[in-house]
PDB file of N, CA and C in Angstrom:
ATOM      1  N   GLN A   1     122.672  96.634 149.595  1.00  0.00           N
ATOM      2  CA  GLN A   1     121.508  96.596 150.223  1.00  0.00           C
ATOM      3  C   GLN A   1     121.678  95.206 151.011  1.00  0.00           C
ATOM      4  N   ILE A   2     121.176  95.156 152.370  1.00  0.00           N
ATOM      5  CA  ILE A   2     121.448  93.702 153.189  1.00  0.00           C
ATOM      6  C   ILE A   2     120.033  93.433 153.857  1.00  0.00           C
ATOM      7  N   LEU A   3     119.889  91.958 153.844  1.00  0.00           N
ATOM      8  CA  LEU A   3     118.607  91.709 154.417  1.00  0.00           C
ATOM      9  C   LEU A   3     119.270  90.818 155.456  1.00  0.00           C
ATOM     10  N   ILE A   4     118.742  91.197 157.019  1.00  0.00           N
ATOM     11  CA  ILE A   4     119.225  90.616 158.011  1.00  0.00           C
ATOM     12  C   ILE A   4     118.014  89.684 158.708  1.00  0.00           C
ATOM     13  N   VAL A   5     118.258  88.193 158.643  1.00  0.00           N
ATOM     14  CA  VAL A   5     117.562  86.926 159.085  1.00  0.00           C
ATOM     15  C   VAL A   5     117.928  86.572 160.241  1.00  0.00           C
ATOM     16  N   ASP A   6     116.970  86.781 161.384  1.00  0.00           N
ATOM     17  CA  ASP A   6     117.758  86.332 162.578  1.00  0.00           C
ATOM     18  C   ASP A   6     116.181  86.107 163.272  1.00  0.00           C
ATOM     19  N   ASP A   7     115.978  85.557 164.363  1.00  0.00           N
ATOM     20  CA  ASP A   7     114.424  85.361 165.160  1.00  0.00           C
ATOM     21  C   ASP A   7     114.942  86.141 166.181  1.00  0.00           C
ATOM     22  N   SER A   8     115.792  86.600 166.759  1.00  0.00           N
ATOM     23  CA  SER A   8     116.147  87.340 167.921  1.00  0.00           C
ATOM     24  C   SER A   8     116.018  88.818 167.471  1.00  0.00           C
ATOM     25  N   ARG A   9     115.310  89.596 168.218  1.00  0.00           N
ATOM     26  CA  ARG A   9     115.431  91.165 167.459  1.00  0.00           C
ATOM     27  C   ARG A   9     116.924  91.822 167.941  1.00  0.00           C
ATOM     28  N   MET A  10     117.352  91.524 169.076  1.00  0.00           N
ATOM     29  CA  MET A  10     118.273  91.970 169.461  1.00  0.00           C
ATOM     30  C   MET A  10     119.675  91.776 168.591  1.00  0.00           C
ATOM     31  N   ILE A  11     119.640  90.638 167.997  1.00  0.00           N
ATOM     32  CA  ILE A  11     120.981  90.285 167.231  1.00  0.00           C
ATOM     33  C   ILE A  11     120.537  91.095 165.801  1.00  0.00           C
ATOM     34  N   ARG A  12     119.311  91.206 165.282  1.00  0.00           N
ATOM     35  CA  ARG A  12     119.116  91.824 164.241  1.00  0.00           C
ATOM     36  C   ARG A  12     119.519  93.442 164.316  1.00  0.00           C
ATOM     37  N   ARG A  13     118.979  93.846 165.238  1.00  0.00           N
ATOM     38  CA  ARG A  13     119.318  95.621 165.835  1.00  0.00           C
ATOM     39  C   ARG A  13     121.047  95.612 165.697  1.00  0.00           C
ATOM     40  N   LEU A  14     122.051  94.540 166.524  1.00  0.00           N
ATOM     41  CA  LEU A  14     122.988  94.398 166.482  1.00  0.00           C
ATOM     42  C   LEU A  14     123.644  94.397 165.310  1.00  0.00           C
ATOM     43  N   VAL A  15     123.508  93.539 164.470  1.00  0.00           N
ATOM     44  CA  VAL A  15     123.703  93.639 162.915  1.00  0.00           C
ATOM     45  C   VAL A  15     123.678  94.715 162.405  1.00  0.00           C
ATOM     46  N   ARG A  16     122.384  95.248 162.345  1.00  0.00           N
ATOM     47  CA  ARG A  16     122.033  96.344 161.490  1.00  0.00           C
ATOM     48  C   ARG A  16     123.068  97.559 161.880  1.00  0.00           C
ATOM     49  N   SER A  17     123.188  97.583 163.208  1.00  0.00           N
ATOM     50  CA  SER A  17     124.058  98.859 163.784  1.00  0.00           C
ATOM     51  C   SER A  17     125.719  98.872 163.500  1.00  0.00           C
ATOM     52  N   THR A  18     125.890  97.413 163.473  1.00  0.00           N
ATOM     53  CA  THR A  18     127.304  97.320 162.887  1.00  0.00           C
ATOM     54  C   THR A  18     127.353  97.755 161.524  1.00  0.00           C
ATOM     55  N   VAL A  19     126.349  97.326 160.606  1.00  0.00           N
ATOM     56  CA  VAL A  19     126.500  97.450 159.444  1.00  0.00           C
ATOM     57  C   VAL A  19     126.353  99.083 159.172  1.00  0.00           C
ATOM     58  N   GLU A  20     125.446  99.826 159.731  1.00  0.00           N
ATOM     59  CA  GLU A  20     125.251 101.029 159.367  1.00  0.00           C
ATOM     60  C   GLU A  20     126.292 102.021 159.898  1.00  0.00           C
ATOM     61  N   THR A  21     127.241 101.489 161.135  1.00  0.00           N
ATOM     62  CA  THR A  21     127.862 102.585 161.796  1.00  0.00           C
ATOM     63  C   THR A  21     129.072 102.444 161.140  1.00  0.00           C
ATOM     64  N   ASN A  22     129.330 101.080 160.622  1.00  0.00           N
ATOM     65  CA  ASN A  22     131.192 101.171 160.245  1.00  0.00           C
ATOM     66  C   ASN A  22     131.065 100.597 158.776  1.00  0.00           C
ATOM     67  N   THR A  23     130.271 101.202 157.727  1.00  0.00           N
ATOM     68  CA  THR A  23     130.057 101.089 156.495  1.00  0.00           C
ATOM     69  C   THR A  23     129.101 101.500 155.955  1.00  0.00           C
ATOM     70  N   ASP A  24     129.348 101.946 154.222  1.00  0.00           N
ATOM     71  CA  ASP A  24     128.578 102.521 153.630  1.00  0.00           C
ATOM     72  C   ASP A  24     127.211 102.131 153.206  1.00  0.00           C
ATOM     73  N   LEU A  25     127.000 100.488 153.650  1.00  0.00           N
ATOM     74  CA  LEU A  25     126.077  99.772 153.096  1.00  0.00           C
ATOM     75  C   LEU A  25     124.563 100.314 153.712  1.00  0.00           C
ATOM     76  N   GLN A  26     123.970  99.638 153.146  1.00  0.00           N
ATOM     77  CA  GLN A  26     122.467 100.058 154.231  1.00  0.00           C
ATOM     78  C   GLN A  26     121.819  98.766 154.073  1.00  0.00           C
ATOM     79  N   VAL A  27     121.158  98.704 155.662  1.00  0.00           N
ATOM     80  CA  VAL A  27     119.999  97.321 155.618  1.00  0.00           C
ATOM     81  C   VAL A  27     118.697  97.805 154.897  1.00  0.00           C
ATOM     82  N   CYS A  28     118.378  97.293 154.103  1.00  0.00           N
ATOM     83  CA  CYS A  28     117.031  97.220 153.468  1.00  0.00           C
ATOM     84  C   CYS A  28     115.668  96.398 154.088  1.00  0.00           C
ATOM     85  N   GLY A  29     116.212  95.405 155.259  1.00  0.00           N
ATOM     86  CA  GLY A  29     114.952  94.796 155.944  1.00  0.00           C
ATOM     87  C   GLY A  29     115.850  94.094 156.723  1.00  0.00           C
ATOM     88  N   GLU A  30     114.483  93.225 157.781  1.00  0.00           N
ATOM     89  CA  GLU A  30     114.779  92.530 158.455  1.00  0.00           C
ATOM     90  C   GLU A  30     113.691  91.420 158.454  1.00  0.00           C
ATOM     91  N   ALA A  31     114.139  90.175 158.628  1.00  0.00           N
ATOM     92  CA  ALA A  31     113.229  89.032 158.829  1.00  0.00           C
ATOM     93  C   ALA A  31     113.364  88.331 160.149  1.00  0.00           C
ATOM     94  N   GLU A  32     112.100  87.900 160.785  1.00  0.00           N
ATOM     95  CA  GLU A  32     112.552  87.062 161.904  1.00  0.00           C
ATOM     96  C   GLU A  32     112.388  85.676 161.501  1.00  0.00           C
ATOM     97  N   ASN A  33     111.990  84.987 160.439  1.00  0.00           N
ATOM     98  CA  ASN A  33     112.095  83.689 159.897  1.00  0.00           C
ATOM     99  C   ASN A  33     112.355  83.799 158.659  1.00  0.00           C
ATOM    100  N   GLY A  34     112.910  82.138 158.376  1.00  0.00           N
ATOM    101  CA  GLY A  34     113.006  82.462 156.799  1.00  0.00           C
ATOM    102  C   GLY A  34     112.067  82.114 155.961  1.00  0.00           C
ATOM    103  N   GLU A  35     110.602  81.928 156.338  1.00  0.00           N
ATOM    104  CA  GLU A  35     109.539  82.055 155.328  1.00  0.00           C
ATOM    105  C   GLU A  35     109.354  83.412 155.427  1.00  0.00           C
ATOM    106  N   VAL A  36     109.464  84.733 155.823  1.00  0.00           N
ATOM    107  CA  VAL A  36     109.325  86.294 155.860  1.00  0.00           C
ATOM    108  C   VAL A  36     110.490  86.325 155.273  1.00  0.00           C
ATOM    109  N   ALA A  37     111.820  85.659 155.272  1.00  0.00           N
ATOM    110  CA  ALA A  37     112.728  85.986 154.325  1.00  0.00           C
ATOM    111  C   ALA A  37     112.679  85.931 152.909  1.00  0.00           C
ATOM    112  N   ILE A  38     112.259  84.844 152.857  1.00  0.00           N
ATOM    113  CA  ILE A  38     111.742  84.552 151.244  1.00  0.00           C
ATOM    114  C   ILE A  38     111.049  85.827 150.391  1.00  0.00           C
ATOM    115  N   VAL A  39     109.682  86.330 151.107  1.00  0.00           N
ATOM    116  CA  VAL A  39     109.158  87.069 150.467  1.00  0.00           C
ATOM    117  C   VAL A  39     109.788  88.401 150.367  1.00  0.00           C
ATOM    118  N   MET A  40     110.823  88.267 151.910  1.00  0.00           N
ATOM    119  CA  MET A  40     111.325  89.870 151.650  1.00  0.00           C
ATOM    120  C   MET A  40     112.364  90.173 150.266  1.00  0.00           C
ATOM    121  N   VAL A  41     113.408  88.663 150.191  1.00  0.00           N
ATOM    122  CA  VAL A  41     114.227  88.949 148.926  1.00  0.00           C
ATOM    123  C   VAL A  41     113.443  88.855 147.793  1.00  0.00           C
ATOM    124  N   THR A  42     112.116  88.113 147.659  1.00  0.00           N
ATOM    125  CA  THR A  42     111.726  88.505 146.244  1.00  0.00           C
ATOM    126  C   THR A  42     111.040  89.737 146.024  1.00  0.00           C
ATOM    127  N   LYS A  43     110.679  90.664 146.995  1.00  0.00           N
ATOM    128  CA  LYS A  43     110.211  92.008 146.979  1.00  0.00           C
ATOM    129  C   LYS A  43     111.314  93.309 146.923  1.00  0.00           C
ATOM    130  N   LEU A  44     112.388  92.821 147.890  1.00  0.00           N
ATOM    131  CA  LEU A  44     113.749  93.696 147.980  1.00  0.00           C
ATOM    132  C   LEU A  44     114.683  93.804 147.180  1.00  0.00           C
ATOM    133  N   LYS A  45     114.884  92.612 146.835  1.00  0.00           N
ATOM    134  CA  LYS A  45     115.861  92.106 146.184  1.00  0.00           C
ATOM    135  C   LYS A  45     117.260  92.780 146.469  1.00  0.00           C
ATOM    136  N   PRO A  46     117.648  92.435 147.800  1.00  0.00           N
ATOM    137  CA  PRO A  46     118.891  92.623 148.480  1.00  0.00           C
ATOM    138  C   PRO A  46     120.238  91.902 147.702  1.00  0.00           C
ATOM    139  N   ASP A  47     121.173  93.030 147.880  1.00  0.00           N
ATOM    140  CA  ASP A  47     122.364  92.306 147.211  1.00  0.00           C
ATOM    141  C   ASP A  47     122.947  91.300 148.399  1.00  0.00           C
ATOM    142  N   LEU A  48     123.052  90.917 150.019  1.00  0.00           N
ATOM    143  CA  LEU A  48     123.242  90.104 150.793  1.00  0.00           C
ATOM    144  C   LEU A  48     122.278  89.798 151.488  1.00  0.00           C
ATOM    145  N   VAL A  49     122.394  88.098 151.964  1.00  0.00           N
ATOM    146  CA  VAL A  49     121.095  88.329 152.983  1.00  0.00           C
ATOM    147  C   VAL A  49     122.083  87.246 153.974  1.00  0.00           C
ATOM    148  N   ILE A  50     122.035  87.947 155.053  1.00  0.00           N
ATOM    149  CA  ILE A  50     122.666  87.589 156.331  1.00  0.00           C
ATOM    150  C   ILE A  50     121.121  86.418 157.239  1.00  0.00           C
ATOM    151  N   LEU A  51     121.785  85.132 157.385  1.00  0.00           N
ATOM    152  CA  LEU A  51     121.050  84.557 157.848  1.00  0.00           C
ATOM    153  C   LEU A  51     121.209  83.676 159.183  1.00  0.00           C
ATOM    154  N   ASP A  52     120.296  83.736 159.799  1.00  0.00           N
ATOM    155  CA  ASP A  52     120.824  82.897 161.248  1.00  0.00           C
ATOM    156  C   ASP A  52     120.090  81.347 160.816  1.00  0.00           C
ATOM    157  N   LEU A  53     120.648  80.455 161.507  1.00  0.00           N
ATOM    158  CA  LEU A  53     120.590  78.897 161.085  1.00  0.00           C
ATOM    159  C   LEU A  53     119.105  78.444 161.804  1.00  0.00           C
ATOM    160  N   ILE A  54     119.076  78.627 163.048  1.00  0.00           N
ATOM    161  CA  ILE A  54     118.117  78.216 163.837  1.00  0.00           C
ATOM    162  C   ILE A  54     116.920  79.023 164.018  1.00  0.00           C
ATOM    163  N   MET A  55     115.780  78.965 163.837  1.00  0.00           N
ATOM    164  CA  MET A  55     114.644  79.883 163.604  1.00  0.00           C
ATOM    165  C   MET A  55     113.421  79.057 163.578  1.00  0.00           C
ATOM    166  N   PRO A  56     112.172  79.600 164.214  1.00  0.00           N
ATOM    167  CA  PRO A  56     110.790  78.869 164.349  1.00  0.00           C
ATOM    168  C   PRO A  56     110.332  79.250 162.468  1.00  0.00           C
ATOM    169  N   VAL A  57     109.608  78.419 162.281  1.00  0.00           N
ATOM    170  CA  VAL A  57     108.598  78.443 161.176  1.00  0.00           C
ATOM    171  C   VAL A  57     109.293  77.606 160.184  1.00  0.00           C
ATOM    172  N   MET A  58     110.538  78.597 159.549  1.00  0.00           N
ATOM    173  CA  MET A  58     111.352  77.752 158.862  1.00  0.00           C
ATOM    174  C   MET A  58     113.263  78.479 158.909  1.00  0.00           C
ATOM    175  N   ASP A  59     113.831  77.458 159.359  1.00  0.00           N
ATOM    176  CA  ASP A  59     115.223  77.864 159.594  1.00  0.00           C
ATOM    177  C   ASP A  59     116.093  78.446 158.434  1.00  0.00           C
ATOM    178  N   GLY A  60     117.316  78.304 158.734  1.00  0.00           N
ATOM    179  CA  GLY A  60     118.080  79.018 157.823  1.00  0.00           C
ATOM    180  C   GLY A  60     118.705  78.427 156.407  1.00  0.00           C
ATOM    181  N   LEU A  61     119.199  76.752 157.004  1.00  0.00           N
ATOM    182  CA  LEU A  61     119.276  76.061 155.828  1.00  0.00           C
ATOM    183  C   LEU A  61     118.090  76.069 154.755  1.00  0.00           C
ATOM    184  N   GLU A  62     116.626  75.706 155.007  1.00  0.00           N
ATOM    185  CA  GLU A  62     115.547  75.746 154.313  1.00  0.00           C
ATOM    186  C   GLU A  62     115.512  77.101 153.430  1.00  0.00           C
ATOM    187  N   ALA A  63     115.459  78.050 154.137  1.00  0.00           N
ATOM    188  CA  ALA A  63     115.552  78.903 153.660  1.00  0.00           C
ATOM    189  C   ALA A  63     116.648  79.741 152.660  1.00  0.00           C
ATOM    190  N   ALA A  64     117.534  79.197 152.846  1.00  0.00           N
ATOM    191  CA  ALA A  64     118.935  79.527 151.620  1.00  0.00           C
ATOM    192  C   ALA A  64     118.791  78.838 150.536  1.00  0.00           C
ATOM    193  N   ARG A  65     118.217  77.253 150.926  1.00  0.00           N
ATOM    194  CA  ARG A  65     117.550  76.749 149.337  1.00  0.00           C
ATOM    195  C   ARG A  65     116.589  77.055 148.863  1.00  0.00           C
ATOM    196  N   ARG A  66     115.378  77.913 149.123  1.00  0.00           N
ATOM    197  CA  ARG A  66     114.778  78.436 148.318  1.00  0.00           C
ATOM    198  C   ARG A  66     114.934  79.729 147.971  1.00  0.00           C
ATOM    199  N   ILE A  67     115.989  80.830 148.590  1.00  0.00           N
ATOM    200  CA  ILE A  67     116.332  81.820 148.414  1.00  0.00           C
ATOM    201  C   ILE A  67     117.396  81.481 147.307  1.00  0.00           C
ATOM    202  N   SER A  68     118.206  80.339 146.877  1.00  0.00           N
ATOM    203  CA  SER A  68     119.305  80.049 146.113  1.00  0.00           C
ATOM    204  C   SER A  68     118.334  80.411 144.993  1.00  0.00           C
ATOM    205  N   ALA A  69     117.047  79.344 144.968  1.00  0.00           N
ATOM    206  CA  ALA A  69     116.174  79.064 143.659  1.00  0.00           C
ATOM    207  C   ALA A  69     115.573  80.187 143.209  1.00  0.00           C
ATOM    208  N   ILE A  70     115.406  81.592 143.898  1.00  0.00           N
ATOM    209  CA  ILE A  70     114.494  82.467 143.349  1.00  0.00           C
ATOM    210  C   ILE A  70     115.596  83.648 143.042  1.00  0.00           C
ATOM    211  N   ALA A  71     116.891  83.383 143.884  1.00  0.00           N
ATOM    212  CA  ALA A  71     117.842  84.841 143.457  1.00  0.00           C
ATOM    213  C   ALA A  71     119.159  83.864 143.289  1.00  0.00           C
ATOM    214  N   PRO A  72     119.313  83.097 142.304  1.00  0.00           N
ATOM    215  CA  PRO A  72     120.805  82.441 142.266  1.00  0.00           C
ATOM    216  C   PRO A  72     121.914  83.550 142.912  1.00  0.00           C
ATOM    217  N   ASN A  73     121.609  84.660 142.012  1.00  0.00           N
ATOM    218  CA  ASN A  73     123.041  85.420 142.365  1.00  0.00           C
ATOM    219  C   ASN A  73     123.289  86.356 143.411  1.00  0.00           C
ATOM    220  N   THR A  74     122.189  86.066 144.346  1.00  0.00           N
ATOM    221  CA  THR A  74     122.120  86.455 145.957  1.00  0.00           C
ATOM    222  C   THR A  74     123.332  85.961 146.809  1.00  0.00           C
ATOM    223  N   PRO A  75     124.256  86.586 147.004  1.00  0.00           N
ATOM    224  CA  PRO A  75     125.083  85.871 148.178  1.00  0.00           C
ATOM    225  C   PRO A  75     124.434  85.947 149.825  1.00  0.00           C
ATOM    226  N   MET A  76     124.870  84.705 150.240  1.00  0.00           N
ATOM    227  CA  MET A  76     124.198  84.610 151.507  1.00  0.00           C
ATOM    228  C   MET A  76     125.241  84.221 152.606  1.00  0.00           C
ATOM    229  N   LEU A  77     125.314  84.646 154.013  1.00  0.00           N
ATOM    230  CA  LEU A  77     126.049  84.619 154.918  1.00  0.00           C
ATOM    231  C   LEU A  77     125.390  84.014 156.070  1.00  0.00           C
ATOM    232  N   MET A  78     125.876  82.703 156.292  1.00  0.00           N
ATOM    233  CA  MET A  78     125.040  82.559 157.732  1.00  0.00           C
ATOM    234  C   MET A  78     125.748  83.138 158.925  1.00  0.00           C
ATOM    235  N   PHE A  79     124.978  83.770 159.965  1.00  0.00           N
ATOM    236  CA  PHE A  79     125.538  84.160 161.260  1.00  0.00           C
ATOM    237  C   PHE A  79     125.163  83.416 162.091  1.00  0.00           C
ATOM    238  N   THR A  80     125.492  82.496 162.936  1.00  0.00           N
ATOM    239  CA  THR A  80     124.775  81.726 163.725  1.00  0.00           C
ATOM    240  C   THR A  80     125.831  81.045 164.974  1.00  0.00           C
ATOM    241  N   MET A  81     124.977  80.638 165.830  1.00  0.00           N
ATOM    242  CA  MET A  81     125.767  79.995 167.407  1.00  0.00           C
ATOM    243  C   MET A  81     126.556  79.030 166.912  1.00  0.00           C
ATOM    244  N   GLN A  82     125.885  78.152 166.293  1.00  0.00           N
ATOM    245  CA  GLN A  82     126.311  76.877 165.829  1.00  0.00           C
ATOM    246  C   GLN A  82     127.496  76.487 164.598  1.00  0.00           C
ATOM    247  N   THR A  83     128.413  75.798 165.058  1.00  0.00           N
ATOM    248  CA  THR A  83     129.720  75.758 163.709  1.00  0.00           C
ATOM    249  C   THR A  83     130.035  74.345 163.891  1.00  0.00           C
ATOM    250  N   SER A  84     130.119  73.729 162.821  1.00  0.00           N
ATOM    251  CA  SER A  84     130.372  72.189 162.871  1.00  0.00           C
ATOM    252  C   SER A  84     131.381  72.006 161.261  1.00  0.00           C
ATOM    253  N   GLY A  85     131.980  71.048 161.017  1.00  0.00           N
ATOM    254  CA  GLY A  85     132.202  70.936 159.789  1.00  0.00           C
ATOM    255  C   GLY A  85     131.099  70.303 158.972  1.00  0.00           C
ATOM    256  N   GLN A  86     129.883  69.624 159.625  1.00  0.00           N
ATOM    257  CA  GLN A  86     128.546  69.381 158.945  1.00  0.00           C
ATOM    258  C   GLN A  86     128.127  70.598 158.436  1.00  0.00           C
ATOM    259  N   LEU A  87     127.707  71.633 159.368  1.00  0.00           N
ATOM    260  CA  LEU A  87     126.740  72.388 159.158  1.00  0.00           C
ATOM    261  C   LEU A  87     127.792  73.250 158.089  1.00  0.00           C
ATOM    262  N   LEU A  88     128.919  73.533 157.782  1.00  0.00           N
ATOM    263  CA  LEU A  88     129.761  73.951 156.699  1.00  0.00           C
ATOM    264  C   LEU A  88     129.112  73.584 155.170  1.00  0.00           C
ATOM    265  N   GLN A  89     129.252  71.959 155.451  1.00  0.00           N
ATOM    266  CA  GLN A  89     128.871  71.544 153.921  1.00  0.00           C
ATOM    267  C   GLN A  89     127.555  71.657 153.991  1.00  0.00           C
ATOM    268  N   ASP A  90     126.586  71.689 154.705  1.00  0.00           N
ATOM    269  CA  ASP A  90     125.320  71.365 154.556  1.00  0.00           C
ATOM    270  C   ASP A  90     125.043  73.057 153.864  1.00  0.00           C
ATOM    271  N   ALA A  91     125.779  74.182 154.612  1.00  0.00           N
ATOM    272  CA  ALA A  91     125.471  75.192 154.012  1.00  0.00           C
ATOM    273  C   ALA A  91     126.066  75.866 153.032  1.00  0.00           C
ATOM    274  N   ARG A  92     126.643  75.249 152.399  1.00  0.00           N
ATOM    275  CA  ARG A  92     127.695  75.389 151.093  1.00  0.00           C
ATOM    276  C   ARG A  92     126.523  74.523 150.181  1.00  0.00           C
ATOM    277  N   ALA A  93     125.923  73.613 150.326  1.00  0.00           N
ATOM    278  CA  ALA A  93     125.038  73.037 149.690  1.00  0.00           C
ATOM    279  C   ALA A  93     123.922  73.800 149.445  1.00  0.00           C
ATOM    280  N   ALA A  94     123.404  74.257 150.184  1.00  0.00           N
ATOM    281  CA  ALA A  94     122.121  75.026 150.346  1.00  0.00           C
ATOM    282  C   ALA A  94     122.386  76.245 149.502  1.00  0.00           C
ATOM    283  N   GLY A  95     123.895  76.757 149.100  1.00  0.00           N
ATOM    284  CA  GLY A  95     124.104  77.858 148.595  1.00  0.00           C
ATOM    285  C   GLY A  95     124.422  79.306 149.430  1.00  0.00           C
ATOM    286  N   ILE A  96     124.798  78.664 150.675  1.00  0.00           N
ATOM    287  CA  ILE A  96     125.359  79.766 151.679  1.00  0.00           C
ATOM    288  C   ILE A  96     126.930  80.061 151.202  1.00  0.00           C
ATOM    289  N   ARG A  97     127.952  80.887 151.156  1.00  0.00           N
ATOM    290  CA  ARG A  97     128.841  80.888 150.800  1.00  0.00           C
ATOM    291  C   ARG A  97     129.739  81.069 151.979  1.00  0.00           C
ATOM    292  N   GLU A  98     128.887  81.488 153.101  1.00  0.00           N
ATOM    293  CA  GLU A  98     130.498  81.783 154.332  1.00  0.00           C
ATOM    294  C   GLU A  98     129.539  81.367 155.806  1.00  0.00           C
ATOM    295  N   VAL A  99     130.075  80.857 156.814  1.00  0.00           N
ATOM    296  CA  VAL A  99     129.194  80.669 158.259  1.00  0.00           C
ATOM    297  C   VAL A  99     130.305  80.914 158.795  1.00  0.00           C
ATOM    298  N   LEU A 100     129.572  81.953 159.779  1.00  0.00           N
ATOM    299  CA  LEU A 100     130.393  82.766 160.793  1.00  0.00           C
ATOM    300  C   LEU A 100     129.812  82.561 162.032  1.00  0.00           C
ATOM    301  N   SER A 101     130.540  82.433 162.964  1.00  0.00           N
ATOM    302  CA  SER A 101     129.982  82.211 164.169  1.00  0.00           C
ATOM    303  C   SER A 101     129.946  83.064 165.180  1.00  0.00           C
ATOM    304  N   LYS A 102     128.561  83.635 165.577  1.00  0.00           N
ATOM    305  CA  LYS A 102     128.268  84.743 166.535  1.00  0.00           C
ATOM    306  C   LYS A 102     129.184  84.958 167.569  1.00  0.00           C
ATOM    307  N   SER A 103     129.681  84.054 168.287  1.00  0.00           N
ATOM    308  CA  SER A 103     130.234  83.653 169.411  1.00  0.00           C
ATOM    309  C   SER A 103     131.912  84.286 168.928  1.00  0.00           C
ATOM    310  N   ASP A 104     132.544  83.927 167.866  1.00  0.00           N
ATOM    311  CA  ASP A 104     133.777  84.044 167.494  1.00  0.00           C
ATOM    312  C   ASP A 104     134.233  85.497 166.636  1.00  0.00           C
ATOM    313  N   ALA A 105     133.125  85.717 166.071  1.00  0.00           N
ATOM    314  CA  ALA A 105     133.345  87.155 164.943  1.00  0.00           C
ATOM    315  C   ALA A 105     132.922  88.326 165.441  1.00  0.00           C
ATOM    316  N   GLY A 106     133.839  88.906 165.370  1.00  0.00           N
ATOM    317  CA  GLY A 106     133.894  90.516 166.038  1.00  0.00           C
ATOM    318  C   GLY A 106     133.128  91.418 164.913  1.00  0.00           C
ATOM    319  N   SER A 107     132.735  92.477 164.758  1.00  0.00           N
ATOM    320  CA  SER A 107     132.102  93.230 164.363  1.00  0.00           C
ATOM    321  C   SER A 107     132.994  93.325 162.852  1.00  0.00           C
ATOM    322  N   ASN A 108     134.457  93.585 163.313  1.00  0.00           N
ATOM    323  CA  ASN A 108     135.398  93.881 161.955  1.00  0.00           C
ATOM    324  C   ASN A 108     135.009  92.429 161.148  1.00  0.00           C
ATOM    325  N   HIS A 109     135.132  91.139 161.348  1.00  0.00           N
ATOM    326  CA  HIS A 109     135.219  89.647 160.955  1.00  0.00           C
ATOM    327  C   HIS A 109     134.159  89.767 160.004  1.00  0.00           C
ATOM    328  N   LEU A 110     132.928  90.239 160.698  1.00  0.00           N
ATOM    329  CA  LEU A 110     131.565  90.188 159.853  1.00  0.00           C
ATOM    330  C   LEU A 110     131.545  91.038 158.819  1.00  0.00           C
ATOM    331  N   ILE A 111     131.632  92.469 159.045  1.00  0.00           N
ATOM    332  CA  ILE A 111     132.212  93.405 158.014  1.00  0.00           C
ATOM    333  C   ILE A 111     132.848  93.064 156.898  1.00  0.00           C
ATOM    334  N   SER A 112     134.453  92.503 157.033  1.00  0.00           N
ATOM    335  CA  SER A 112     135.179  92.166 155.825  1.00  0.00           C
ATOM    336  C   SER A 112     134.430  90.816 155.458  1.00  0.00           C
ATOM    337  N   SER A 113     134.027  90.098 156.137  1.00  0.00           N
ATOM    338  CA  SER A 113     133.063  88.752 155.246  1.00  0.00           C
ATOM    339  C   SER A 113     131.934  89.209 154.214  1.00  0.00           C
ATOM    340  N   MET A 114     131.052  90.656 154.513  1.00  0.00           N
ATOM    341  CA  MET A 114     130.080  90.960 154.031  1.00  0.00           C
ATOM    342  C   MET A 114     130.673  91.467 152.789  1.00  0.00           C
ATOM    343  N   ARG A 115     131.732  92.531 152.911  1.00  0.00           N
ATOM    344  CA  ARG A 115     132.667  93.106 151.927  1.00  0.00           C
ATOM    345  C   ARG A 115     132.802  92.066 150.872  1.00  0.00           C
ATOM    346  N   SER A 116     134.051  91.002 151.407  1.00  0.00           N
ATOM    347  CA  SER A 116     134.640  89.957 150.238  1.00  0.00           C
ATOM    348  C   SER A 116     133.278  89.321 149.215  1.00  0.00           C
ATOM    349  N   LEU A 117     131.927  89.427 150.209  1.00  0.00           N
ATOM    350  CA  LEU A 117     130.866  88.331 149.215  1.00  0.00           C
ATOM    351  C   LEU A 117     130.259  89.283 148.311  1.00  0.00           C
ATOM    352  N   LEU A 118     130.618  90.475 148.355  1.00  0.00           N
ATOM    353  CA  LEU A 118     130.079  91.870 148.066  1.00  0.00           C
ATOM    354  C   LEU A 118     130.809  92.345 146.707  1.00  0.00           C
ATOM    355  N   ASN A 119     131.891  91.899 146.515  1.00  0.00           N
ATOM    356  CA  ASN A 119     132.850  91.920 145.796  1.00  0.00           C
ATOM    357  C   ASN A 119     133.068  90.960 144.808  1.00  0.00           C
TER     358      ASN A 119
END
């Protein structure tokens, strides 16, 4: 069960389509910001959370910190346009296991990263 968190409806649909078309995994929900994501993690108990970095209300790093506190065994993957060494450090400190660039990661890279986090 995958939770997709991104403020762009288009990105959420693209990720959902990629997951549901190319894997046996299911998307259990979508959230448009980190605050909604926290509620959904508590309610849905996903096996993996895919987070964007820059979102209104609450960004992906703050959401990851809070998700780590309430669901410490839930792996998180950050899927974002922003990538840097500092972001990777901040993401790891927040409990995110992997950071993928939306511009660099093809669907195969996203799926292989998801599978490795779930195993």
